[in-house]
Amino acid sequence: MFKIEDIDPIYYRKQTRKSTLIIMAIFIVIGFISARLAVIYLGNYSSNHIVLNLIGAFVGLLITFWIVKAFFIKSEWMKEAMYAWRLKRHLMYIYNSIKTIKQAVEDNDVQAIKIMRFYQLGTEQMHLLDNNSHELIELRGEMRELEDKMNEMGIDLNQTEFAMEMADDYRLNT
């Protein structure tokens, strides 16, 4: 079950910049070392050092991914970046069946309405975190329409939790 958390956008941007810079520094060091080692150890087999450097850099990228996944994914400085990644993943899961869900919302399907509300709240949060105020204008209009419908039907507006299984019925129909 994924839950939308209250995160300060300025703090979020600061932390994601920090985590990006740390991961970039790790990649730069590992990429340079692996590119250099590729030229040293494979230079006898190829005179094209550009290709060997690219191969070494690619290996460095793979090593960096492994290091981040194995050691840093649960680190405090990666918390905000991982939260945003998980939120985007859940939003994309819903987006893949958005036509079916919207149709079910039109048919007053309570589960679809709850899913759509989570989608709108999550999308709103991503726009706020990414400082994308232009997209918020259109989204907030859609949100008001759904809020009115939810109030008429007596559904709680605070739909901040979502499990991917909730949308499985709508995915089968796409």
Protein backbone atom coordinates (compact mmCIF):
# COMPACT_ATOMS: atom_id res chain seq x y z
CA MET A 1 0.00 0.00 0.00
CA PHE A 2 1.43 3.34 -1.07
CA LYS A 3 0.51 6.48 0.89
CA ILE A 4 0.92 10.07 -0.27
CA GLU A 5 3.10 11.87 2.27
CA ASP A 6 3.22 15.56 3.04
CA ILE A 7 6.61 16.77 1.75
CA ASP A 8 7.81 20.36 1.54
CA PRO A 9 8.61 21.05 -2.16
CA ILE A 10 11.68 23.15 -1.34
CA TYR A 11 13.08 20.45 0.93
CA TYR A 12 12.25 17.81 -1.71
CA ARG A 13 14.14 19.68 -4.44
CA LYS A 14 17.11 20.22 -2.12
CA GLN A 15 17.28 16.53 -1.17
CA THR A 16 16.86 15.27 -4.74
CA ARG A 17 19.62 17.61 -5.93
CA LYS A 18 21.83 16.29 -3.16
CA SER A 19 21.15 12.64 -4.03
CA THR A 20 21.66 13.36 -7.74
CA LEU A 21 25.02 15.00 -7.09
CA ILE A 22 26.17 12.11 -4.89
CA ILE A 23 25.19 9.52 -7.48
CA MET A 24 26.80 11.58 -10.27
CA ALA A 25 30.04 11.82 -8.26
CA ILE A 26 30.04 8.06 -7.73
CA PHE A 27 29.45 7.47 -11.43
CA ILE A 28 32.15 9.91 -12.49
CA VAL A 29 34.76 8.22 -10.32
CA ILE A 30 33.74 4.68 -11.24
CA GLY A 31 33.18 5.60 -14.90
CA PHE A 32 36.65 7.14 -15.26
CA ILE A 33 38.29 4.21 -13.53
CA SER A 34 36.46 1.56 -15.55
CA ALA A 35 37.01 3.46 -18.82
CA ARG A 36 40.72 3.70 -18.09
CA LEU A 37 40.92 0.04 -17.10
CA ALA A 38 39.12 -0.95 -20.31
CA VAL A 39 41.77 0.87 -22.37
CA ILE A 40 44.63 -0.63 -20.32
CA TYR A 41 43.40 -4.23 -20.37
CA LEU A 42 41.65 -4.34 -23.74
CA GLY A 43 43.92 -1.95 -25.64
CA ASN A 44 45.89 -4.88 -27.11
CA TYR A 45 42.72 -6.20 -28.76
CA SER A 46 41.50 -2.93 -30.26
CA SER A 47 43.16 0.27 -31.35
CA ASN A 48 39.89 2.19 -31.11
CA HIS A 49 40.20 3.73 -27.65
CA ILE A 50 36.96 5.70 -27.98
CA VAL A 51 34.96 2.49 -28.15
CA LEU A 52 36.92 1.03 -25.24
CA ASN A 53 36.26 4.19 -23.20
CA LEU A 54 32.54 3.94 -23.98
CA ILE A 55 32.49 0.28 -22.98
CA GLY A 56 34.31 1.12 -19.76
CA ALA A 57 31.95 4.00 -19.02
CA PHE A 58 28.94 1.73 -19.63
CA VAL A 59 30.40 -0.85 -17.24
CA GLY A 60 30.91 2.00 -14.75
CA LEU A 61 27.26 2.95 -15.14
CA LEU A 62 26.17 -0.62 -14.42
CA ILE A 63 28.44 -0.77 -11.37
CA THR A 64 27.01 2.56 -10.16
CA PHE A 65 23.44 1.25 -10.53
CA TRP A 66 24.38 -1.84 -8.56
CA ILE A 67 26.05 0.19 -5.78
CA VAL A 68 23.08 2.53 -5.45
CA LYS A 69 20.60 -0.35 -5.42
CA ALA A 70 22.62 -2.48 -3.01
CA PHE A 71 23.82 0.14 -0.54
CA PHE A 72 22.09 3.50 -0.89
CA ILE A 73 18.46 2.84 -1.84
CA LYS A 74 17.34 2.92 1.82
CA SER A 75 19.65 5.78 2.82
CA GLU A 76 18.15 8.87 4.41
CA TRP A 77 19.52 11.10 1.62
CA MET A 78 17.69 8.96 -0.99
CA LYS A 79 14.33 8.98 0.81
CA GLU A 80 12.71 11.78 -1.19
CA ALA A 81 14.00 10.55 -4.56
CA MET A 82 12.72 7.03 -3.85
CA TYR A 83 9.38 8.39 -2.66
CA ALA A 84 8.96 10.32 -5.92
CA TRP A 85 9.96 7.28 -7.95
CA ARG A 86 7.40 5.08 -6.17
CA LEU A 87 4.70 7.76 -6.53
CA LYS A 88 5.37 8.12 -10.26
CA ARG A 89 5.30 4.35 -10.63
CA HIS A 90 1.84 4.17 -9.00
CA LEU A 91 0.56 7.10 -11.07
CA MET A 92 1.76 5.42 -14.28
CA TYR A 93 0.04 2.19 -13.24
CA ILE A 94 -3.22 4.11 -12.99
CA TYR A 95 -2.53 6.13 -16.15
CA ASN A 96 -2.21 2.93 -18.17
CA SER A 97 -5.93 2.31 -17.56
CA ILE A 98 -7.08 5.91 -17.29
CA LYS A 99 -9.70 5.67 -20.07
CA THR A 100 -11.43 2.74 -18.40
CA ILE A 101 -11.22 4.40 -15.00
CA LYS A 102 -12.64 7.68 -16.33
CA GLN A 103 -15.52 5.80 -17.91
CA ALA A 104 -16.18 4.01 -14.62
CA VAL A 105 -16.10 7.39 -12.82
CA GLU A 106 -18.76 8.63 -15.25
CA ASP A 107 -20.80 5.52 -14.33
CA ASN A 108 -20.45 6.44 -10.60
CA ASP A 109 -18.22 3.46 -9.75
CA VAL A 110 -17.06 4.21 -6.18
CA GLN A 111 -13.76 2.30 -6.51
CA ALA A 112 -12.91 4.13 -9.75
CA ILE A 113 -13.73 7.46 -8.12
CA LYS A 114 -11.36 6.68 -5.24
CA ILE A 115 -8.62 5.64 -7.69
CA MET A 116 -9.13 8.81 -9.73
CA ARG A 117 -8.97 10.93 -6.58
CA PHE A 118 -5.68 9.30 -5.57
CA TYR A 119 -4.38 9.86 -9.11
CA GLN A 120 -5.32 13.53 -9.00
CA LEU A 121 -3.83 14.07 -5.53
CA GLY A 122 -0.63 12.27 -6.54
CA THR A 123 -0.34 14.19 -9.78
CA GLU A 124 -0.95 17.44 -7.93
CA GLN A 125 1.81 16.59 -5.48
CA MET A 126 4.27 15.74 -8.27
CA HIS A 127 3.52 19.06 -9.97
CA LEU A 128 4.07 20.89 -6.68
CA LEU A 129 7.29 19.00 -5.93
CA ASP A 130 8.63 19.63 -9.44
CA ASN A 131 7.48 23.27 -9.34
CA ASN A 132 5.26 22.80 -12.40
CA SER A 133 2.53 25.34 -11.67
CA HIS A 134 1.33 25.56 -15.28
CA GLU A 135 -0.10 22.01 -15.27
CA LEU A 136 -1.79 22.60 -11.90
CA ILE A 137 -4.35 25.01 -13.34
CA GLU A 138 -6.02 22.41 -15.57
CA LEU A 139 -5.67 19.65 -12.98
CA ARG A 140 -7.32 21.68 -10.22
CA GLY A 141 -10.37 22.25 -12.41
CA GLU A 142 -10.74 18.49 -12.89
CA MET A 143 -10.18 17.99 -9.17
CA ARG A 144 -13.03 20.37 -8.28
CA GLU A 145 -15.42 18.45 -10.54
CA LEU A 146 -14.49 15.13 -8.94
CA GLU A 147 -14.68 16.64 -5.44
CA ASP A 148 -18.23 17.82 -6.14
CA LYS A 149 -19.19 14.34 -7.33
CA MET A 150 -17.56 12.75 -4.28
CA ASN A 151 -19.38 15.14 -1.92
CA GLU A 152 -22.71 14.31 -3.60
CA MET A 153 -22.02 10.57 -3.19
CA GLY A 154 -20.69 10.93 0.38
CA ILE A 155 -17.20 9.62 -0.45
CA ASP A 156 -14.25 10.76 1.67
CA LEU A 157 -12.06 13.25 -0.22
CA ASN A 158 -8.91 12.10 1.56
CA GLN A 159 -7.90 9.26 -0.78
CA THR A 160 -4.16 9.24 -0.11
CA GLU A 161 -3.60 5.48 -0.13
CA PHE A 162 -3.43 3.19 -3.13
CA ALA A 163 -2.57 -0.43 -3.75
CA MET A 164 -1.99 -1.49 -7.34
CA GLU A 165 -4.49 -4.31 -6.92
CA MET A 166 -7.22 -1.67 -6.66
CA ALA A 167 -6.87 -0.91 -10.37
CA ASP A 168 -6.58 -4.49 -11.61
CA ASP A 169 -10.27 -4.72 -12.56
CA TYR A 170 -9.90 -1.66 -14.78
CA ARG A 171 -6.66 -2.90 -16.36
CA LEU A 172 -8.34 -6.06 -17.62
CA ASN A 173 -10.81 -3.98 -19.59
CA THR A 174 -8.19 -1.96 -21.48
